[in-house]
Amino acid sequence: MSRVYYDPAAEYAPLPGHSSRGRFERVLRSGKFAVTAELNPPDSADPRDVYERALVLAEVCDAINATDASGAHTHMSSVAVCSLLSRAGYAVVMQISCRDRNRIAIQGDILGAAAIGVANVLCLTGDGVEVGDQPDAKPVFDLDSISLLQTIRAMRDEARLLSGRRLTSPPRLFLGAAANPFAPPLDFRPLRLAKKIAAGAQFVQTQYCFDLGTFRAFMQRVRDLGLDQQCFILAGVGPLVSAKAAKWMRANVPGIHIPDAIIERLEGAADQRREGKNICIELIQEIRTIPGVAGVHVMAYRQEELVSEIIQQSGVLQGRRPVNRDRRKTITQEMQA
């Protein structure tokens, strides 16, 4: 059987004013409320473990994030996941952490990613190795998220590497960054976002948003600074499985604030997992009403079916379908053959 390799250029040509030829950028610039989600790479060398999760997410997402050793834990590499999914026709966001590779390796990964059809890159500094399961690993941090944004922007807009050497064909990429509206000092968070935008960020995905009061205040300051007119902001959301898990996250994950009211609501529920799902749906619906928010980024570690249910039941897609499931499934089967 001959394999069918998907060519994104055949479906989408760059539009004027667009940095990439990707579907994700088109959705955002069209004014639709965008939805992204994370595909957590498997602890496996089997591509089927990637495709099975992607099929579920692609039905409800405008782009799928491929995480890059999140939490300083080893998984299948982000660039490998992006290669598998891009060739099968999925819109992907390749996450790049500065923790594990120097500028030479990262620039090479950028060129390779663009060559295989990746249109979106999320630039991250990365968690320290001490939080992972191999704390003796040597961290790199040759760049941070801001200098990484500047590097890729120069590669794209000026067709040059950091060394000054010219590129014959620059990468066409839509650049993203992370933001945490809940990390103290709170009044610095919008200013930090402004620095990332100045460095080249065109879209932002935030940390989990459970405290809507603080997030609304953050977005008010963002609007006052005009930052919502300079980049697309996607609020991070996710389901809580129990009050115990919520308390652990609040105590151990930096930058996450879960209000007492949410924990009390979970504690009082007969089915805490279902209540956590309902809370997430309600948060998405509330976030959608906040001016300046362009979409949501849904995170639930290896719970793709739950993510799909949450997005569908929230109603934010308003009946639209990001992909043709039958067509994508056929391409995926061809890729696995």
C-alpha atoms as a PDB file:
ATOM      1  CA  MET A   1       0.000   0.000   0.000  1.00  0.00           C
ATOM      2  CA  SER A   2       1.338   3.410  -0.912  1.00  0.00           C
ATOM      3  CA  ARG A   3       1.347   5.901   1.921  1.00  0.00           C
ATOM      4  CA  VAL A   4      -0.454   9.212   1.695  1.00  0.00           C
ATOM      5  CA  TYR A   5       1.600  12.030   3.180  1.00  0.00           C
ATOM      6  CA  TYR A   6      -0.314  15.169   3.984  1.00  0.00           C
ATOM      7  CA  ASP A   7       1.002  18.407   2.554  1.00  0.00           C
ATOM      8  CA  PRO A   8      -0.343  21.423   4.505  1.00  0.00           C
ATOM      9  CA  ALA A   9       0.612  23.734   1.647  1.00  0.00           C
ATOM     10  CA  ALA A  10      -1.872  21.959  -0.574  1.00  0.00           C
ATOM     11  CA  GLU A  11      -4.749  22.929   1.716  1.00  0.00           C
ATOM     12  CA  TYR A  12      -3.690  26.314   3.026  1.00  0.00           C
ATOM     13  CA  ALA A  13      -1.639  29.027   1.344  1.00  0.00           C
ATOM     14  CA  PRO A  14      -0.473  31.937   3.514  1.00  0.00           C
ATOM     15  CA  LEU A  15      -2.890  34.845   3.706  1.00  0.00           C
ATOM     16  CA  PRO A  16      -1.719  38.473   3.694  1.00  0.00           C
ATOM     17  CA  GLY A  17      -0.738  39.533   7.194  1.00  0.00           C
ATOM     18  CA  HIS A  18      -0.369  35.941   8.414  1.00  0.00           C
ATOM     19  CA  SER A  19       2.903  34.602   9.751  1.00  0.00           C
ATOM     20  CA  SER A  20       2.121  30.978   8.939  1.00  0.00           C
ATOM     21  CA  ARG A  21      -0.010  28.903   6.638  1.00  0.00           C
ATOM     22  CA  GLY A  22      -1.600  27.140   9.602  1.00  0.00           C
ATOM     23  CA  ARG A  23      -5.265  26.646  10.386  1.00  0.00           C
ATOM     24  CA  PHE A  24      -4.838  27.743  14.020  1.00  0.00           C
ATOM     25  CA  GLU A  25      -3.733  31.252  13.057  1.00  0.00           C
ATOM     26  CA  ARG A  26      -6.580  31.474  10.546  1.00  0.00           C
ATOM     27  CA  VAL A  27      -9.143  30.591  13.205  1.00  0.00           C
ATOM     28  CA  LEU A  28      -7.842  33.239  15.599  1.00  0.00           C
ATOM     29  CA  ARG A  29      -7.582  35.984  12.991  1.00  0.00           C
ATOM     30  CA  SER A  30     -11.102  35.216  11.779  1.00  0.00           C
ATOM     31  CA  GLY A  31     -12.441  36.076  15.245  1.00  0.00           C
ATOM     32  CA  LYS A  32     -13.656  32.584  16.143  1.00  0.00           C
ATOM     33  CA  PHE A  33     -13.251  31.449  19.745  1.00  0.00           C
ATOM     34  CA  ALA A  34     -10.309  29.065  19.472  1.00  0.00           C
ATOM     35  CA  VAL A  35      -9.849  25.821  21.368  1.00  0.00           C
ATOM     36  CA  THR A  36      -6.553  24.035  21.932  1.00  0.00           C
ATOM     37  CA  ALA A  37      -5.622  21.074  24.104  1.00  0.00           C
ATOM     38  CA  GLU A  38      -2.504  19.194  25.137  1.00  0.00           C
ATOM     39  CA  LEU A  39      -1.536  15.777  23.877  1.00  0.00           C
ATOM     40  CA  ASN A  40       0.824  14.418  26.478  1.00  0.00           C
ATOM     41  CA  PRO A  41       3.380  12.290  24.622  1.00  0.00           C
ATOM     42  CA  PRO A  42       3.467   8.602  25.526  1.00  0.00           C
ATOM     43  CA  ASP A  43       6.185   6.696  27.327  1.00  0.00           C
ATOM     44  CA  SER A  44       6.391   4.586  24.219  1.00  0.00           C
ATOM     45  CA  ALA A  45       7.977   4.298  20.784  1.00  0.00           C
ATOM     46  CA  ASP A  46       4.689   3.194  19.188  1.00  0.00           C
ATOM     47  CA  PRO A  47       3.128   5.877  16.929  1.00  0.00           C
ATOM     48  CA  ARG A  48      -0.310   4.360  17.478  1.00  0.00           C
ATOM     49  CA  ASP A  49      -0.210   5.681  21.045  1.00  0.00           C
ATOM     50  CA  VAL A  50       0.014   9.180  19.559  1.00  0.00           C
ATOM     51  CA  TYR A  51      -2.600   8.746  16.832  1.00  0.00           C
ATOM     52  CA  GLU A  52      -5.224   7.260  19.143  1.00  0.00           C
ATOM     53  CA  ARG A  53      -5.102  10.296  21.419  1.00  0.00           C
ATOM     54  CA  ALA A  54      -4.929  12.784  18.577  1.00  0.00           C
ATOM     55  CA  LEU A  55      -8.070  11.435  16.898  1.00  0.00           C
ATOM     56  CA  VAL A  56     -10.094  12.210  20.025  1.00  0.00           C
ATOM     57  CA  LEU A  57      -8.699  15.728  20.433  1.00  0.00           C
ATOM     58  CA  ALA A  58      -8.841  16.707  16.755  1.00  0.00           C
ATOM     59  CA  GLU A  59     -12.635  16.546  16.763  1.00  0.00           C
ATOM     60  CA  VAL A  60     -12.846  19.410  19.241  1.00  0.00           C
ATOM     61  CA  CYS A  61      -9.597  21.369  18.914  1.00  0.00           C
ATOM     62  CA  ASP A  62      -8.261  23.909  16.458  1.00  0.00           C
ATOM     63  CA  ALA A  63      -4.716  22.828  17.350  1.00  0.00           C
ATOM     64  CA  ILE A  64      -3.081  20.169  19.501  1.00  0.00           C
ATOM     65  CA  ASN A  65      -0.117  21.028  21.739  1.00  0.00           C
ATOM     66  CA  ALA A  66       2.740  18.534  21.763  1.00  0.00           C
ATOM     67  CA  THR A  67       4.408  19.015  25.136  1.00  0.00           C
ATOM     68  CA  ASP A  68       8.199  19.046  25.486  1.00  0.00           C
ATOM     69  CA  ALA A  69       9.243  16.901  28.467  1.00  0.00           C
ATOM     70  CA  SER A  70       6.779  18.745  30.693  1.00  0.00           C
ATOM     71  CA  GLY A  71       7.536  18.623  34.381  1.00  0.00           C
ATOM     72  CA  ALA A  72      11.104  17.598  33.463  1.00  0.00           C
ATOM     73  CA  HIS A  73       9.946  14.048  32.710  1.00  0.00           C
ATOM     74  CA  THR A  74      11.083  12.105  29.662  1.00  0.00           C
ATOM     75  CA  HIS A  75       8.434  11.257  27.053  1.00  0.00           C
ATOM     76  CA  MET A  76       8.405  10.935  23.279  1.00  0.00           C
ATOM     77  CA  SER A  77       9.943  14.163  21.956  1.00  0.00           C
ATOM     78  CA  SER A  78       7.770  17.077  20.920  1.00  0.00           C
ATOM     79  CA  VAL A  79       9.337  17.292  17.457  1.00  0.00           C
ATOM     80  CA  ALA A  80       8.688  13.573  16.877  1.00  0.00           C
ATOM     81  CA  VAL A  81       5.036  13.874  17.911  1.00  0.00           C
ATOM     82  CA  CYS A  82       4.689  16.904  15.645  1.00  0.00           C
ATOM     83  CA  SER A  83       6.226  14.967  12.767  1.00  0.00           C
ATOM     84  CA  LEU A  84       3.725  12.135  13.177  1.00  0.00           C
ATOM     85  CA  LEU A  85       0.733  14.441  13.490  1.00  0.00           C
ATOM     86  CA  SER A  86       1.713  16.992  10.842  1.00  0.00           C
ATOM     87  CA  ARG A  87       2.166  14.317   8.188  1.00  0.00           C
ATOM     88  CA  ALA A  88      -1.297  12.986   9.071  1.00  0.00           C
ATOM     89  CA  GLY A  89      -2.890  16.421   8.690  1.00  0.00           C
ATOM     90  CA  TYR A  90      -3.314  17.602  12.268  1.00  0.00           C
ATOM     91  CA  ALA A  91      -2.748  21.221  13.300  1.00  0.00           C
ATOM     92  CA  VAL A  92      -0.086  21.127  16.005  1.00  0.00           C
ATOM     93  CA  VAL A  93       1.584  23.524  18.416  1.00  0.00           C
ATOM     94  CA  MET A  94       5.143  22.428  19.062  1.00  0.00           C
ATOM     95  CA  GLN A  95       6.253  23.303  22.574  1.00  0.00           C
ATOM     96  CA  ILE A  96       9.942  24.086  22.992  1.00  0.00           C
ATOM     97  CA  SER A  97      11.561  24.134  26.416  1.00  0.00           C
ATOM     98  CA  CYS A  98      14.913  25.862  26.858  1.00  0.00           C
ATOM     99  CA  ARG A  99      15.878  23.517  29.678  1.00  0.00           C
ATOM    100  CA  ASP A 100      17.263  20.628  27.631  1.00  0.00           C
ATOM    101  CA  ARG A 101      18.897  22.019  24.470  1.00  0.00           C
ATOM    102  CA  ASN A 102      21.248  24.839  23.570  1.00  0.00           C
ATOM    103  CA  ARG A 103      20.654  27.457  20.899  1.00  0.00           C
ATOM    104  CA  ILE A 104      22.331  25.387  18.186  1.00  0.00           C
ATOM    105  CA  ALA A 105      20.028  22.415  18.722  1.00  0.00           C
ATOM    106  CA  ILE A 106      16.927  24.567  19.151  1.00  0.00           C
ATOM    107  CA  GLN A 107      17.470  26.483  15.916  1.00  0.00           C
ATOM    108  CA  GLY A 108      17.955  23.189  14.103  1.00  0.00           C
ATOM    109  CA  ASP A 109      14.723  21.861  15.590  1.00  0.00           C
ATOM    110  CA  ILE A 110      12.889  24.993  14.425  1.00  0.00           C
ATOM    111  CA  LEU A 111      14.047  24.549  10.835  1.00  0.00           C
ATOM    112  CA  GLY A 112      13.182  20.863  10.905  1.00  0.00           C
ATOM    113  CA  ALA A 113       9.765  21.489  12.426  1.00  0.00           C
ATOM    114  CA  ALA A 114       8.877  24.058   9.780  1.00  0.00           C
ATOM    115  CA  ALA A 115      10.029  21.647   7.073  1.00  0.00           C
ATOM    116  CA  ILE A 116       7.607  18.922   8.244  1.00  0.00           C
ATOM    117  CA  GLY A 117       4.645  21.307   8.336  1.00  0.00           C
ATOM    118  CA  VAL A 118       4.607  22.659  11.882  1.00  0.00           C
ATOM    119  CA  ALA A 119       3.052  26.128  11.789  1.00  0.00           C
ATOM    120  CA  ASN A 120       2.838  26.995  15.513  1.00  0.00           C
ATOM    121  CA  VAL A 121       5.505  27.103  18.217  1.00  0.00           C
ATOM    122  CA  LEU A 122       5.053  27.746  21.945  1.00  0.00           C
ATOM    123  CA  CYS A 123       8.221  29.093  23.574  1.00  0.00           C
ATOM    124  CA  LEU A 124       8.861  28.036  27.171  1.00  0.00           C
ATOM    125  CA  THR A 125      11.736  28.459  29.577  1.00  0.00           C
ATOM    126  CA  GLY A 126      10.885  25.080  31.125  1.00  0.00           C
ATOM    127  CA  ASP A 127      10.631  23.582  34.583  1.00  0.00           C
ATOM    128  CA  GLY A 128      13.832  22.941  36.499  1.00  0.00           C
ATOM    129  CA  VAL A 129      15.223  19.398  36.421  1.00  0.00           C
ATOM    130  CA  GLU A 130      14.812  19.136  40.185  1.00  0.00           C
ATOM    131  CA  VAL A 131      11.030  18.760  39.829  1.00  0.00           C
ATOM    132  CA  GLY A 132      11.334  15.755  37.504  1.00  0.00           C
ATOM    133  CA  ASP A 133      12.219  12.123  38.042  1.00  0.00           C
ATOM    134  CA  GLN A 134      15.846  12.572  36.915  1.00  0.00           C
ATOM    135  CA  PRO A 135      17.052  15.438  39.132  1.00  0.00           C
ATOM    136  CA  ASP A 136      20.714  14.634  38.397  1.00  0.00           C
ATOM    137  CA  ALA A 137      20.248  15.667  34.748  1.00  0.00           C
ATOM    138  CA  LYS A 138      22.247  18.705  33.643  1.00  0.00           C
ATOM    139  CA  PRO A 139      20.016  21.687  32.768  1.00  0.00           C
ATOM    140  CA  VAL A 140      20.963  23.872  29.817  1.00  0.00           C
ATOM    141  CA  PHE A 141      18.906  27.109  29.819  1.00  0.00           C
ATOM    142  CA  ASP A 142      21.124  28.612  27.120  1.00  0.00           C
ATOM    143  CA  LEU A 143      18.057  30.696  26.199  1.00  0.00           C
ATOM    144  CA  ASP A 144      14.907  31.642  28.081  1.00  0.00           C
ATOM    145  CA  SER A 145      11.398  32.079  26.701  1.00  0.00           C
ATOM    146  CA  ILE A 146      11.941  35.722  25.720  1.00  0.00           C
ATOM    147  CA  SER A 147      15.295  35.202  23.993  1.00  0.00           C
ATOM    148  CA  LEU A 148      13.826  32.122  22.287  1.00  0.00           C
ATOM    149  CA  LEU A 149      10.967  34.223  20.921  1.00  0.00           C
ATOM    150  CA  GLN A 150      13.461  36.790  19.667  1.00  0.00           C
ATOM    151  CA  THR A 151      15.558  34.061  18.053  1.00  0.00           C
ATOM    152  CA  ILE A 152      12.689  32.469  16.142  1.00  0.00           C
ATOM    153  CA  ARG A 153      11.307  35.851  15.103  1.00  0.00           C
ATOM    154  CA  ALA A 154      14.702  36.741  13.607  1.00  0.00           C
ATOM    155  CA  MET A 155      14.796  33.403  11.786  1.00  0.00           C
ATOM    156  CA  ARG A 156      11.321  34.025  10.380  1.00  0.00           C
ATOM    157  CA  ASP A 157      11.353  37.769   9.656  1.00  0.00           C
ATOM    158  CA  GLU A 158      15.029  38.383   8.899  1.00  0.00           C
ATOM    159  CA  ALA A 159      15.953  34.951   7.518  1.00  0.00           C
ATOM    160  CA  ARG A 160      19.014  34.674   9.726  1.00  0.00           C
ATOM    161  CA  LEU A 161      20.372  32.514  12.515  1.00  0.00           C
ATOM    162  CA  LEU A 162      21.762  33.895  15.758  1.00  0.00           C
ATOM    163  CA  SER A 163      25.234  33.562  14.259  1.00  0.00           C
ATOM    164  CA  GLY A 164      24.194  35.987  11.525  1.00  0.00           C
ATOM    165  CA  ARG A 165      24.302  33.303   8.853  1.00  0.00           C
ATOM    166  CA  ARG A 166      21.522  33.705   6.302  1.00  0.00           C
ATOM    167  CA  LEU A 167      18.730  31.218   5.734  1.00  0.00           C
ATOM    168  CA  THR A 168      17.764  30.371   2.173  1.00  0.00           C
ATOM    169  CA  SER A 169      14.181  29.659   3.247  1.00  0.00           C
ATOM    170  CA  PRO A 170      12.915  31.053   6.580  1.00  0.00           C
ATOM    171  CA  PRO A 171      10.420  29.144   8.760  1.00  0.00           C
ATOM    172  CA  ARG A 172       6.822  30.362   8.469  1.00  0.00           C
ATOM    173  CA  LEU A 173       5.717  30.176  12.102  1.00  0.00           C
ATOM    174  CA  PHE A 174       3.014  31.573  14.389  1.00  0.00           C
ATOM    175  CA  LEU A 175       4.749  32.272  17.716  1.00  0.00           C
ATOM    176  CA  GLY A 176       3.321  31.684  21.157  1.00  0.00           C
ATOM    177  CA  ALA A 177       4.289  32.003  24.803  1.00  0.00           C
ATOM    178  CA  ALA A 178       2.956  31.061  28.203  1.00  0.00           C
ATOM    179  CA  ALA A 179       1.538  33.465  30.779  1.00  0.00           C
ATOM    180  CA  ASN A 180       0.638  33.042  34.433  1.00  0.00           C
ATOM    181  CA  PRO A 181      -1.851  35.648  35.680  1.00  0.00           C
ATOM    182  CA  PHE A 182      -1.762  34.153  39.181  1.00  0.00           C
ATOM    183  CA  ALA A 183       1.935  34.214  40.058  1.00  0.00           C
ATOM    184  CA  PRO A 184       2.963  36.970  42.462  1.00  0.00           C
ATOM    185  CA  PRO A 185       3.537  39.823  42.153  1.00  0.00           C
ATOM    186  CA  LEU A 186       0.208  40.033  40.325  1.00  0.00           C
ATOM    187  CA  ASP A 187       0.722  43.579  39.084  1.00  0.00           C
ATOM    188  CA  PHE A 188       3.835  42.439  37.204  1.00  0.00           C
ATOM    189  CA  ARG A 189       2.048  39.744  35.181  1.00  0.00           C
ATOM    190  CA  PRO A 190       0.635  42.068  32.461  1.00  0.00           C
ATOM    191  CA  LEU A 191       4.059  43.752  32.170  1.00  0.00           C
ATOM    192  CA  ARG A 192       5.703  40.349  31.744  1.00  0.00           C
ATOM    193  CA  LEU A 193       3.186  39.585  29.020  1.00  0.00           C
ATOM    194  CA  ALA A 194       4.058  42.867  27.309  1.00  0.00           C
ATOM    195  CA  LYS A 195       7.730  41.842  27.251  1.00  0.00           C
ATOM    196  CA  LYS A 196       6.881  38.554  25.586  1.00  0.00           C
ATOM    197  CA  ILE A 197       4.732  40.309  22.999  1.00  0.00           C
ATOM    198  CA  ALA A 198       7.562  42.738  22.285  1.00  0.00           C
ATOM    199  CA  ALA A 199       9.859  39.725  21.827  1.00  0.00           C
ATOM    200  CA  GLY A 200       7.526  38.222  19.234  1.00  0.00           C
ATOM    201  CA  ALA A 201       4.635  36.388  20.939  1.00  0.00           C
ATOM    202  CA  GLN A 202       1.490  36.408  18.795  1.00  0.00           C
ATOM    203  CA  PHE A 203      -0.606  34.103  20.960  1.00  0.00           C
ATOM    204  CA  VAL A 204      -0.493  33.203  24.643  1.00  0.00           C
ATOM    205  CA  GLN A 205      -1.710  30.175  26.565  1.00  0.00           C
ATOM    206  CA  THR A 206      -2.106  30.758  30.297  1.00  0.00           C
ATOM    207  CA  GLN A 207      -1.715  28.656  33.424  1.00  0.00           C
ATOM    208  CA  TYR A 208      -4.873  27.023  34.817  1.00  0.00           C
ATOM    209  CA  CYS A 209      -7.577  29.613  35.545  1.00  0.00           C
ATOM    210  CA  PHE A 210      -9.639  28.693  38.598  1.00  0.00           C
ATOM    211  CA  ASP A 211      -9.730  32.148  40.196  1.00  0.00           C
ATOM    212  CA  LEU A 212     -11.884  34.168  37.803  1.00  0.00           C
ATOM    213  CA  GLY A 213     -11.732  37.295  39.965  1.00  0.00           C
ATOM    214  CA  THR A 214      -7.962  37.492  39.636  1.00  0.00           C
ATOM    215  CA  PHE A 215      -8.128  36.575  35.955  1.00  0.00           C
ATOM    216  CA  ARG A 216     -10.697  39.301  35.251  1.00  0.00           C
ATOM    217  CA  ALA A 217      -8.428  41.849  36.956  1.00  0.00           C
ATOM    218  CA  PHE A 218      -5.494  40.616  34.874  1.00  0.00           C
ATOM    219  CA  MET A 219      -7.503  40.945  31.661  1.00  0.00           C
ATOM    220  CA  GLN A 220      -8.640  44.441  32.621  1.00  0.00           C
ATOM    221  CA  ARG A 221      -5.026  45.540  32.927  1.00  0.00           C
ATOM    222  CA  VAL A 222      -4.198  43.720  29.678  1.00  0.00           C
ATOM    223  CA  ARG A 223      -6.924  45.678  27.905  1.00  0.00           C
ATOM    224  CA  ASP A 224      -5.794  48.939  29.496  1.00  0.00           C
ATOM    225  CA  LEU A 225      -2.327  48.336  28.023  1.00  0.00           C
ATOM    226  CA  GLY A 226      -3.796  47.363  24.658  1.00  0.00           C
ATOM    227  CA  LEU A 227      -2.115  43.957  24.804  1.00  0.00           C
ATOM    228  CA  ASP A 228      -5.248  42.093  23.748  1.00  0.00           C
ATOM    229  CA  GLN A 229      -4.979  43.936  20.425  1.00  0.00           C
ATOM    230  CA  GLN A 230      -1.402  42.727  19.945  1.00  0.00           C
ATOM    231  CA  CYS A 231      -1.758  39.020  20.694  1.00  0.00           C
ATOM    232  CA  PHE A 232      -4.406  36.338  21.102  1.00  0.00           C
ATOM    233  CA  ILE A 233      -4.943  35.187  24.700  1.00  0.00           C
ATOM    234  CA  LEU A 234      -6.142  31.650  25.402  1.00  0.00           C
ATOM    235  CA  ALA A 235      -7.047  30.934  29.010  1.00  0.00           C
ATOM    236  CA  GLY A 236      -5.870  27.635  30.482  1.00  0.00           C
ATOM    237  CA  VAL A 237      -8.544  25.414  32.028  1.00  0.00           C
ATOM    238  CA  GLY A 238      -8.807  21.838  33.227  1.00  0.00           C
ATOM    239  CA  PRO A 239     -10.948  19.506  35.358  1.00  0.00           C
ATOM    240  CA  LEU A 240     -10.225  18.768  39.013  1.00  0.00           C
ATOM    241  CA  VAL A 241     -10.693  15.113  39.899  1.00  0.00           C
ATOM    242  CA  SER A 242     -11.231  15.657  43.636  1.00  0.00           C
ATOM    243  CA  ALA A 243     -10.946  18.123  46.494  1.00  0.00           C
ATOM    244  CA  LYS A 244      -7.800  16.297  47.636  1.00  0.00           C
ATOM    245  CA  ALA A 245      -6.191  16.775  44.220  1.00  0.00           C
ATOM    246  CA  ALA A 246      -7.209  20.442  44.214  1.00  0.00           C
ATOM    247  CA  LYS A 247      -5.594  21.003  47.605  1.00  0.00           C
ATOM    248  CA  TRP A 248      -2.414  19.280  46.434  1.00  0.00           C
ATOM    249  CA  MET A 249      -2.225  21.425  43.287  1.00  0.00           C
ATOM    250  CA  ARG A 250      -2.764  24.600  45.278  1.00  0.00           C
ATOM    251  CA  ALA A 251      -0.007  23.687  47.716  1.00  0.00           C
ATOM    252  CA  ASN A 252       2.557  22.230  45.313  1.00  0.00           C
ATOM    253  CA  VAL A 253       2.193  23.738  41.835  1.00  0.00           C
ATOM    254  CA  PRO A 254       3.591  27.283  41.633  1.00  0.00           C
ATOM    255  CA  GLY A 255       1.253  29.888  40.213  1.00  0.00           C
ATOM    256  CA  ILE A 256      -1.985  27.941  40.626  1.00  0.00           C
ATOM    257  CA  HIS A 257      -4.623  29.420  42.906  1.00  0.00           C
ATOM    258  CA  ILE A 258      -7.786  27.436  43.541  1.00  0.00           C
ATOM    259  CA  PRO A 259     -10.344  29.381  45.609  1.00  0.00           C
ATOM    260  CA  ASP A 260     -11.756  27.825  48.766  1.00  0.00           C
ATOM    261  CA  ALA A 261     -15.239  27.948  47.222  1.00  0.00           C
ATOM    262  CA  ILE A 262     -14.250  25.496  44.505  1.00  0.00           C
ATOM    263  CA  ILE A 263     -12.665  23.079  46.980  1.00  0.00           C
ATOM    264  CA  GLU A 264     -15.725  23.290  49.242  1.00  0.00           C
ATOM    265  CA  ARG A 265     -17.970  22.593  46.255  1.00  0.00           C
ATOM    266  CA  LEU A 266     -15.940  19.491  45.419  1.00  0.00           C
ATOM    267  CA  GLU A 267     -15.995  18.294  49.020  1.00  0.00           C
ATOM    268  CA  GLY A 268     -19.761  18.588  49.113  1.00  0.00           C
ATOM    269  CA  ALA A 269     -20.339  16.681  45.883  1.00  0.00           C
ATOM    270  CA  ALA A 270     -21.490  13.062  45.802  1.00  0.00           C
ATOM    271  CA  ASP A 271     -19.350  12.497  42.692  1.00  0.00           C
ATOM    272  CA  GLN A 272     -16.288  14.751  42.929  1.00  0.00           C
ATOM    273  CA  ARG A 273     -14.916  13.802  39.510  1.00  0.00           C
ATOM    274  CA  ARG A 274     -18.192  14.717  37.814  1.00  0.00           C
ATOM    275  CA  GLU A 275     -18.386  17.948  39.804  1.00  0.00           C
ATOM    276  CA  GLY A 276     -14.855  18.821  38.714  1.00  0.00           C
ATOM    277  CA  LYS A 277     -15.903  18.345  35.110  1.00  0.00           C
ATOM    278  CA  ASN A 278     -18.969  20.569  35.632  1.00  0.00           C
ATOM    279  CA  ILE A 279     -16.840  23.278  37.234  1.00  0.00           C
ATOM    280  CA  CYS A 280     -14.487  23.228  34.241  1.00  0.00           C
ATOM    281  CA  ILE A 281     -17.404  23.576  31.823  1.00  0.00           C
ATOM    282  CA  GLU A 282     -18.778  26.527  33.801  1.00  0.00           C
ATOM    283  CA  LEU A 283     -15.358  28.184  33.891  1.00  0.00           C
ATOM    284  CA  ILE A 284     -15.044  27.918  30.099  1.00  0.00           C
ATOM    285  CA  GLN A 285     -18.463  29.463  29.648  1.00  0.00           C
ATOM    286  CA  GLU A 286     -17.584  32.330  32.001  1.00  0.00           C
ATOM    287  CA  ILE A 287     -14.167  32.901  30.458  1.00  0.00           C
ATOM    288  CA  ARG A 288     -15.734  33.186  27.023  1.00  0.00           C
ATOM    289  CA  THR A 289     -17.617  36.298  28.194  1.00  0.00           C
ATOM    290  CA  ILE A 290     -14.461  38.148  29.295  1.00  0.00           C
ATOM    291  CA  PRO A 291     -13.417  40.808  26.767  1.00  0.00           C
ATOM    292  CA  GLY A 292     -10.044  40.203  25.191  1.00  0.00           C
ATOM    293  CA  VAL A 293     -10.035  36.418  25.609  1.00  0.00           C
ATOM    294  CA  ALA A 294      -9.587  34.710  22.236  1.00  0.00           C
ATOM    295  CA  GLY A 295      -9.999  31.091  23.319  1.00  0.00           C
ATOM    296  CA  VAL A 296      -9.286  28.383  25.858  1.00  0.00           C
ATOM    297  CA  HIS A 297      -6.487  25.871  26.274  1.00  0.00           C
ATOM    298  CA  VAL A 298      -7.739  22.666  27.917  1.00  0.00           C
ATOM    299  CA  MET A 299      -5.314  20.575  29.955  1.00  0.00           C
ATOM    300  CA  ALA A 300      -6.034  17.170  31.525  1.00  0.00           C
ATOM    301  CA  TYR A 301      -3.133  14.741  31.732  1.00  0.00           C
ATOM    302  CA  ARG A 302      -3.846  11.741  29.482  1.00  0.00           C
ATOM    303  CA  GLN A 303      -7.622  12.221  29.703  1.00  0.00           C
ATOM    304  CA  GLU A 304      -8.381  13.002  26.069  1.00  0.00           C
ATOM    305  CA  GLU A 305     -11.943  11.634  26.167  1.00  0.00           C
ATOM    306  CA  LEU A 306     -12.750  13.835  29.157  1.00  0.00           C
ATOM    307  CA  VAL A 307     -11.304  16.877  27.374  1.00  0.00           C
ATOM    308  CA  SER A 308     -13.528  16.154  24.378  1.00  0.00           C
ATOM    309  CA  GLU A 309     -16.622  15.877  26.571  1.00  0.00           C
ATOM    310  CA  ILE A 310     -15.833  19.139  28.358  1.00  0.00           C
ATOM    311  CA  ILE A 311     -15.326  21.102  25.153  1.00  0.00           C
ATOM    312  CA  GLN A 312     -18.442  19.734  23.495  1.00  0.00           C
ATOM    313  CA  GLN A 313     -20.657  20.292  26.524  1.00  0.00           C
ATOM    314  CA  SER A 314     -19.340  23.830  27.076  1.00  0.00           C
ATOM    315  CA  GLY A 315     -20.830  24.895  23.730  1.00  0.00           C
ATOM    316  CA  VAL A 316     -17.872  27.104  22.782  1.00  0.00           C
ATOM    317  CA  LEU A 317     -17.505  25.494  19.375  1.00  0.00           C
ATOM    318  CA  GLN A 318     -21.028  26.663  18.502  1.00  0.00           C
ATOM    319  CA  GLY A 319     -21.625  23.732  16.206  1.00  0.00           C
ATOM    320  CA  ARG A 320     -18.441  24.077  14.170  1.00  0.00           C
ATOM    321  CA  ARG A 321     -16.186  21.064  13.678  1.00  0.00           C
ATOM    322  CA  PRO A 322     -12.441  21.739  13.558  1.00  0.00           C
ATOM    323  CA  VAL A 323     -11.714  18.689  11.375  1.00  0.00           C
ATOM    324  CA  ASN A 324     -13.408  16.077   9.249  1.00  0.00           C
ATOM    325  CA  ARG A 325     -13.050  13.006  11.471  1.00  0.00           C
ATOM    326  CA  ASP A 326     -13.518  10.451   8.688  1.00  0.00           C
ATOM    327  CA  ARG A 327     -10.914  12.109   6.487  1.00  0.00           C
ATOM    328  CA  ARG A 328      -8.422  12.433   9.338  1.00  0.00           C
ATOM    329  CA  LYS A 329      -8.995   8.851  10.432  1.00  0.00           C
ATOM    330  CA  THR A 330      -8.337   7.611   6.896  1.00  0.00           C
ATOM    331  CA  ILE A 331      -5.083   9.563   6.668  1.00  0.00           C
ATOM    332  CA  THR A 332      -4.031   8.317  10.097  1.00  0.00           C
ATOM    333  CA  GLN A 333      -4.646   4.715   9.098  1.00  0.00           C
ATOM    334  CA  GLU A 334      -2.540   5.240   5.996  1.00  0.00           C
ATOM    335  CA  MET A 335       0.272   6.662   8.112  1.00  0.00           C
ATOM    336  CA  GLN A 336       0.183   3.624  10.402  1.00  0.00           C
ATOM    337  CA  ALA A 337       0.236   1.113   7.542  1.00  0.00           C
END
